[in-house]
Amino acid sequence: MAVLRPRNVNVQLLACLVDEDDVDDSDYRFLTDGQRVRYVTTAPGTFLGAEDDRTFEPILLGELFPQFPSGSWNKGHVAKDTATGETAFVKTETVQLAGIKNIWHPVKLNEFDFTQQRRIRQRVHVSTHPNLNNGKPVLIKLAVWPWEMASMEVETTAYQLIDGRSIGPKFLGHVTEGNDGRVVGFIIEWVQGARAAGLEDIECCKMALGRLHKLDIKFGDINKHNFLVRDGQGIVLVDFEMVEFGCSPEEADFEMGDLKRTLQDKSSRGGVEPHQEQ
């Protein structure tokens, strides 16, 4: 007779990276009791069934996952218990997770105090907050996984250096993971109604990129979807994850010279930026 496990009624799936072939660990990010974030890995072969079951929250938490242990742990590992053969939390621990170090803006807001309106990507969504931007939508970008923290640190610093220089969206504050104070993301202006730049916009794009180069910053990803045209307000640069600080004049010239090619690119390389959504 199958063992009926208690349903994890106070657990919410926030994000997951599931190995399709189930030969490596899979990673999950959960919110428990509406306030505590837990990171859980599952060993290969822990759950039988299709990949969809391992990402579909009702099945994942109601049928596959064992009951979450209580306590203050933030990192756990689920596998088959070697003694019983049952799926179990074989390890839980409390670890010091990395966070953004460059906290340069005075505003810090809890990730879970935002009202999520639309998820653009797993890391990016449009939200509102009662105490921010007069309740109008803003864009939230998170380091969902610890290994994303380095690029988030770079992008946070880039926004500090361009602040007030009419280069990118307005930076509105930092995002903390729950109430523990660990900064895991940022809030920026949502550039609503913008479009990706084309070759006809090259002169405005050069001006915007030039302002960045004057700060000795190499953009690093000059695909056309990162140059947004906003009617009456010029070009807005977005996505600073790949910037490089201390850019040499030669590097700046090379990047500027490559701009025409990228604006002519007819492919979907770079995707559709979330700022372009209506």
Protein backbone atom coordinates (compact mmCIF):
# COMPACT_ATOMS: atom_id res chain seq x y z
CA MET A 1 0.00 0.00 0.00
CA ALA A 2 1.33 3.42 -0.94
CA VAL A 3 2.34 5.71 1.89
CA LEU A 4 0.29 8.92 1.93
CA ARG A 5 2.48 11.91 2.66
CA PRO A 6 1.13 15.08 4.26
CA ARG A 7 0.52 17.78 1.68
CA ASN A 8 2.85 20.78 1.89
CA VAL A 9 0.04 23.31 2.20
CA ASN A 10 2.23 26.21 3.37
CA VAL A 11 4.87 25.83 0.66
CA GLN A 12 5.00 27.77 -2.61
CA LEU A 13 7.23 26.95 -5.58
CA LEU A 14 9.11 30.08 -6.64
CA ALA A 15 11.51 28.73 -9.26
CA CYS A 16 13.04 25.49 -10.46
CA LEU A 17 15.78 24.15 -12.69
CA VAL A 18 14.95 20.53 -13.43
CA ASP A 19 17.36 18.25 -15.26
CA GLU A 20 15.32 16.92 -18.19
CA ASP A 21 17.13 13.58 -18.29
CA ASP A 22 17.17 13.22 -14.49
CA VAL A 23 20.85 12.34 -14.39
CA ASP A 24 21.98 15.38 -12.38
CA ASP A 25 20.62 17.19 -9.35
CA SER A 26 17.61 19.44 -9.85
CA ASP A 27 17.26 22.77 -8.05
CA TYR A 28 14.19 24.30 -6.43
CA ARG A 29 13.44 27.58 -4.69
CA PHE A 30 10.49 27.59 -2.28
CA LEU A 31 8.70 30.02 0.00
CA THR A 32 7.40 28.47 3.22
CA ASP A 33 4.79 30.02 5.52
CA GLY A 34 4.83 33.13 3.35
CA GLN A 35 8.13 34.34 4.78
CA ARG A 36 11.07 31.94 4.64
CA VAL A 37 12.91 31.01 1.42
CA ARG A 38 14.38 27.52 1.14
CA TYR A 39 16.70 26.20 -1.55
CA VAL A 40 16.36 22.46 -2.16
CA THR A 41 18.24 20.10 -4.46
CA THR A 42 16.88 16.70 -5.40
CA ALA A 43 19.08 13.76 -6.32
CA PRO A 44 18.66 12.06 -9.72
CA GLY A 45 15.96 9.42 -9.72
CA THR A 46 14.31 10.73 -6.56
CA PHE A 47 10.94 11.21 -8.22
CA LEU A 48 9.45 8.79 -10.69
CA GLY A 49 7.39 10.18 -13.51
CA ALA A 50 7.56 12.76 -16.27
CA GLU A 51 9.53 15.98 -16.18
CA ASP A 52 6.25 17.93 -16.14
CA ASP A 53 5.33 16.35 -12.79
CA ARG A 54 8.59 17.61 -11.31
CA THR A 55 7.75 21.20 -12.27
CA PHE A 56 3.97 21.23 -11.76
CA GLU A 57 3.45 22.66 -8.29
CA PRO A 58 0.29 20.72 -7.24
CA ILE A 59 1.86 17.35 -8.07
CA LEU A 60 5.35 18.31 -6.94
CA LEU A 61 4.30 19.46 -3.48
CA GLY A 62 1.19 17.36 -3.02
CA GLU A 63 2.48 14.00 -4.18
CA LEU A 64 6.23 13.95 -4.81
CA PHE A 65 7.93 16.03 -2.13
CA PRO A 66 8.12 14.74 1.43
CA GLN A 67 6.86 17.03 4.16
CA PHE A 68 9.11 20.00 4.70
CA PRO A 69 10.98 19.85 8.04
CA SER A 70 10.44 22.69 10.48
CA GLY A 71 13.27 24.88 11.68
CA SER A 72 15.35 27.76 10.38
CA TRP A 73 17.24 25.89 7.66
CA ASN A 74 17.56 27.48 4.21
CA LYS A 75 19.28 24.74 2.22
CA GLY A 76 18.13 21.14 1.91
CA HIS A 77 18.70 17.98 -0.09
CA VAL A 78 16.04 15.40 -0.97
CA ALA A 79 16.86 11.84 -2.01
CA LYS A 80 15.82 8.25 -1.48
CA ASP A 81 16.50 7.23 2.12
CA THR A 82 18.95 4.33 1.89
CA ALA A 83 17.39 2.60 4.89
CA THR A 84 13.69 2.84 3.97
CA GLY A 85 13.72 3.53 0.24
CA GLU A 86 11.33 6.43 0.84
CA THR A 87 11.85 9.93 -0.49
CA ALA A 88 13.09 12.12 2.36
CA PHE A 89 14.97 15.25 3.31
CA VAL A 90 18.33 13.61 3.93
CA LYS A 91 20.01 16.90 4.84
CA THR A 92 19.03 20.39 5.93
CA GLU A 93 21.38 23.17 6.99
CA THR A 94 21.54 26.88 7.56
CA VAL A 95 24.19 28.52 5.40
CA GLN A 96 25.26 32.09 4.73
CA LEU A 97 24.06 32.74 1.18
CA ALA A 98 25.77 35.35 -0.97
CA GLY A 99 23.99 38.64 -1.55
CA ILE A 100 24.57 41.91 -3.38
CA LYS A 101 27.29 43.86 -1.57
CA ASN A 102 26.99 47.20 -3.34
CA ILE A 103 23.91 48.60 -1.59
CA TRP A 104 24.14 52.13 -2.94
CA HIS A 105 20.47 53.16 -3.15
CA PRO A 106 18.51 54.12 0.00
CA VAL A 107 15.41 52.07 -0.93
CA LYS A 108 15.28 48.38 0.05
CA LEU A 109 12.01 46.46 -0.35
CA ASN A 110 10.98 42.89 0.45
CA GLU A 111 10.53 40.74 -2.64
CA PHE A 112 7.28 39.33 -1.26
CA ASP A 113 5.68 42.72 -0.63
CA PHE A 114 5.35 43.26 -4.37
CA THR A 115 2.25 42.26 -6.28
CA GLN A 116 3.41 40.21 -9.24
CA GLN A 117 1.44 41.21 -12.31
CA ARG A 118 3.28 39.43 -15.10
CA ARG A 119 6.34 37.21 -15.19
CA ILE A 120 8.54 38.03 -18.17
CA ARG A 121 11.19 35.45 -17.37
CA GLN A 122 11.97 33.39 -14.30
CA ARG A 123 14.18 36.22 -13.04
CA VAL A 124 12.20 39.19 -14.32
CA HIS A 125 8.65 40.34 -13.73
CA VAL A 126 6.51 43.45 -13.82
CA SER A 127 5.12 44.33 -10.40
CA THR A 128 3.60 47.03 -8.28
CA HIS A 129 4.34 48.09 -4.72
CA PRO A 130 2.10 50.31 -2.58
CA ASN A 131 5.04 52.46 -1.46
CA LEU A 132 6.84 52.82 -4.75
CA ASN A 133 6.37 54.77 -7.97
CA ASN A 134 2.87 55.89 -6.94
CA GLY A 135 1.66 52.32 -7.33
CA LYS A 136 2.55 52.22 -11.03
CA PRO A 137 4.21 49.11 -12.51
CA VAL A 138 7.95 48.67 -12.14
CA LEU A 139 10.36 46.00 -13.33
CA ILE A 140 11.91 43.60 -10.81
CA LYS A 141 15.06 41.62 -11.63
CA LEU A 142 16.31 38.94 -9.25
CA ALA A 143 19.27 36.64 -8.81
CA VAL A 144 17.07 33.58 -8.41
CA TRP A 145 20.01 31.22 -7.90
CA PRO A 146 23.25 31.82 -5.98
CA TRP A 147 25.39 31.47 -9.12
CA GLU A 148 23.56 34.41 -10.68
CA MET A 149 24.71 36.75 -7.94
CA ALA A 150 27.96 37.80 -9.67
CA SER A 151 26.20 39.18 -12.76
CA MET A 152 23.60 40.85 -10.55
CA GLU A 153 26.42 42.57 -8.64
CA VAL A 154 27.88 43.85 -11.91
CA GLU A 155 24.54 45.15 -13.12
CA THR A 156 23.78 46.85 -9.80
CA THR A 157 27.12 48.67 -9.95
CA ALA A 158 26.50 49.67 -13.56
CA TYR A 159 23.22 51.31 -12.57
CA GLN A 160 25.04 53.22 -9.85
CA LEU A 161 27.58 54.58 -12.34
CA ILE A 162 24.97 55.63 -14.91
CA ASP A 163 22.50 57.02 -12.38
CA GLY A 164 21.15 60.39 -13.52
CA ARG A 165 23.01 60.31 -16.86
CA SER A 166 20.08 59.49 -19.20
CA ILE A 167 21.56 56.18 -20.28
CA GLY A 168 19.34 53.46 -18.81
CA PRO A 169 16.05 53.07 -16.94
CA LYS A 170 15.79 54.83 -13.61
CA PHE A 171 17.03 52.70 -10.72
CA LEU A 172 14.39 52.67 -7.97
CA GLY A 173 15.88 50.48 -5.25
CA HIS A 174 17.16 47.10 -4.08
CA VAL A 175 15.14 43.93 -3.45
CA THR A 176 15.66 41.76 -0.38
CA GLU A 177 14.82 38.07 -0.05
CA GLY A 178 12.12 38.06 2.60
CA ASN A 179 12.86 39.80 5.86
CA ASP A 180 16.42 38.55 6.33
CA GLY A 181 17.89 41.60 4.59
CA ARG A 182 19.89 39.71 1.96
CA VAL A 183 19.75 41.77 -1.23
CA VAL A 184 19.05 39.59 -4.26
CA GLY A 185 17.89 42.00 -6.93
CA PHE A 186 16.83 45.48 -7.92
CA ILE A 187 13.89 47.57 -9.07
CA ILE A 188 14.00 49.74 -12.17
CA GLU A 189 11.65 51.87 -14.18
CA TRP A 190 9.49 49.87 -16.58
CA VAL A 191 10.12 51.28 -20.05
CA GLN A 192 6.62 50.69 -21.33
CA GLY A 193 5.75 50.92 -24.99
CA ALA A 194 9.34 50.99 -26.29
CA ARG A 195 10.59 49.14 -29.36
CA ALA A 196 13.91 47.61 -30.33
CA ALA A 197 16.16 49.96 -32.27
CA GLY A 198 16.75 49.58 -35.99
CA LEU A 199 19.31 50.87 -38.43
CA GLU A 200 17.30 54.07 -38.81
CA ASP A 201 18.06 54.81 -35.14
CA ILE A 202 21.82 54.37 -35.42
CA GLU A 203 22.79 57.97 -34.68
CA CYS A 204 20.73 58.03 -31.48
CA CYS A 205 22.15 54.64 -30.53
CA LYS A 206 25.68 55.94 -31.03
CA MET A 207 24.94 58.88 -28.75
CA ALA A 208 23.57 56.61 -26.02
CA LEU A 209 26.47 54.14 -26.31
CA GLY A 210 28.91 57.04 -26.35
CA ARG A 211 27.60 58.29 -23.02
CA LEU A 212 28.31 54.85 -21.59
CA HIS A 213 31.81 54.77 -23.08
CA LYS A 214 32.59 58.17 -21.55
CA LEU A 215 32.26 56.44 -18.19
CA ASP A 216 34.85 53.86 -19.35
CA ILE A 217 32.17 51.18 -19.46
CA LYS A 218 31.95 48.63 -22.28
CA PHE A 219 28.36 47.52 -22.86
CA GLY A 220 29.33 43.97 -23.79
CA ASP A 221 25.98 43.03 -25.36
CA ILE A 222 25.01 45.47 -28.09
CA ASN A 223 22.23 43.45 -29.68
CA LYS A 224 19.39 45.64 -30.94
CA HIS A 225 16.97 44.49 -28.23
CA ASN A 226 19.14 46.23 -25.63
CA PHE A 227 18.65 49.59 -27.40
CA LEU A 228 15.07 50.62 -26.79
CA VAL A 229 13.44 53.51 -28.61
CA ARG A 230 10.99 55.47 -26.52
CA ASP A 231 9.03 58.07 -28.47
CA GLY A 232 10.14 61.57 -27.63
CA GLN A 233 12.71 60.41 -25.09
CA GLY A 234 15.47 58.91 -27.22
CA ILE A 235 17.31 55.63 -26.67
CA VAL A 236 17.32 53.71 -23.40
CA LEU A 237 19.99 51.06 -22.85
CA VAL A 238 18.94 47.96 -20.91
CA ASP A 239 20.51 44.75 -19.63
CA PHE A 240 23.90 45.57 -18.11
CA GLU A 241 24.86 42.07 -16.99
CA MET A 242 27.78 41.85 -19.41
CA VAL A 243 29.29 45.30 -18.94
CA GLU A 244 33.00 45.66 -18.34
CA PHE A 245 34.42 48.48 -16.27
CA GLY A 246 37.68 50.24 -17.16
CA CYS A 247 37.01 50.03 -20.89
CA SER A 248 39.94 51.19 -23.05
CA PRO A 249 39.47 53.63 -25.97
CA GLU A 250 40.30 50.81 -28.38
CA GLU A 251 37.60 48.57 -26.90
CA ALA A 252 35.08 51.40 -27.05
CA ASP A 253 35.91 52.12 -30.69
CA PHE A 254 35.55 48.46 -31.63
CA GLU A 255 32.17 48.19 -29.90
CA MET A 256 30.95 51.39 -31.52
CA GLY A 257 32.11 50.16 -34.93
CA ASP A 258 30.13 46.93 -34.52
CA LEU A 259 26.89 48.75 -33.76
CA LYS A 260 25.73 49.02 -37.39
CA ARG A 261 26.01 45.26 -37.86
CA THR A 262 23.94 44.48 -34.78
CA LEU A 263 21.20 46.94 -35.72
CA GLN A 264 20.94 45.27 -39.13
CA ASP A 265 20.60 41.83 -37.60
CA LYS A 266 17.25 40.32 -38.63
CA SER A 267 17.47 37.36 -36.25
CA SER A 268 15.83 37.11 -32.84
CA ARG A 269 19.21 36.98 -31.08
CA GLY A 270 18.83 38.62 -27.72
CA GLY A 271 15.10 37.97 -27.60
CA VAL A 272 12.39 40.48 -26.82
CA GLU A 273 13.22 42.71 -23.91
CA PRO A 274 10.61 42.86 -21.16
CA HIS A 275 10.51 46.62 -21.47
CA GLN A 276 8.90 46.29 -24.86
CA GLU A 277 5.82 44.50 -23.58
CA GLN A 278 2.61 46.51 -23.74
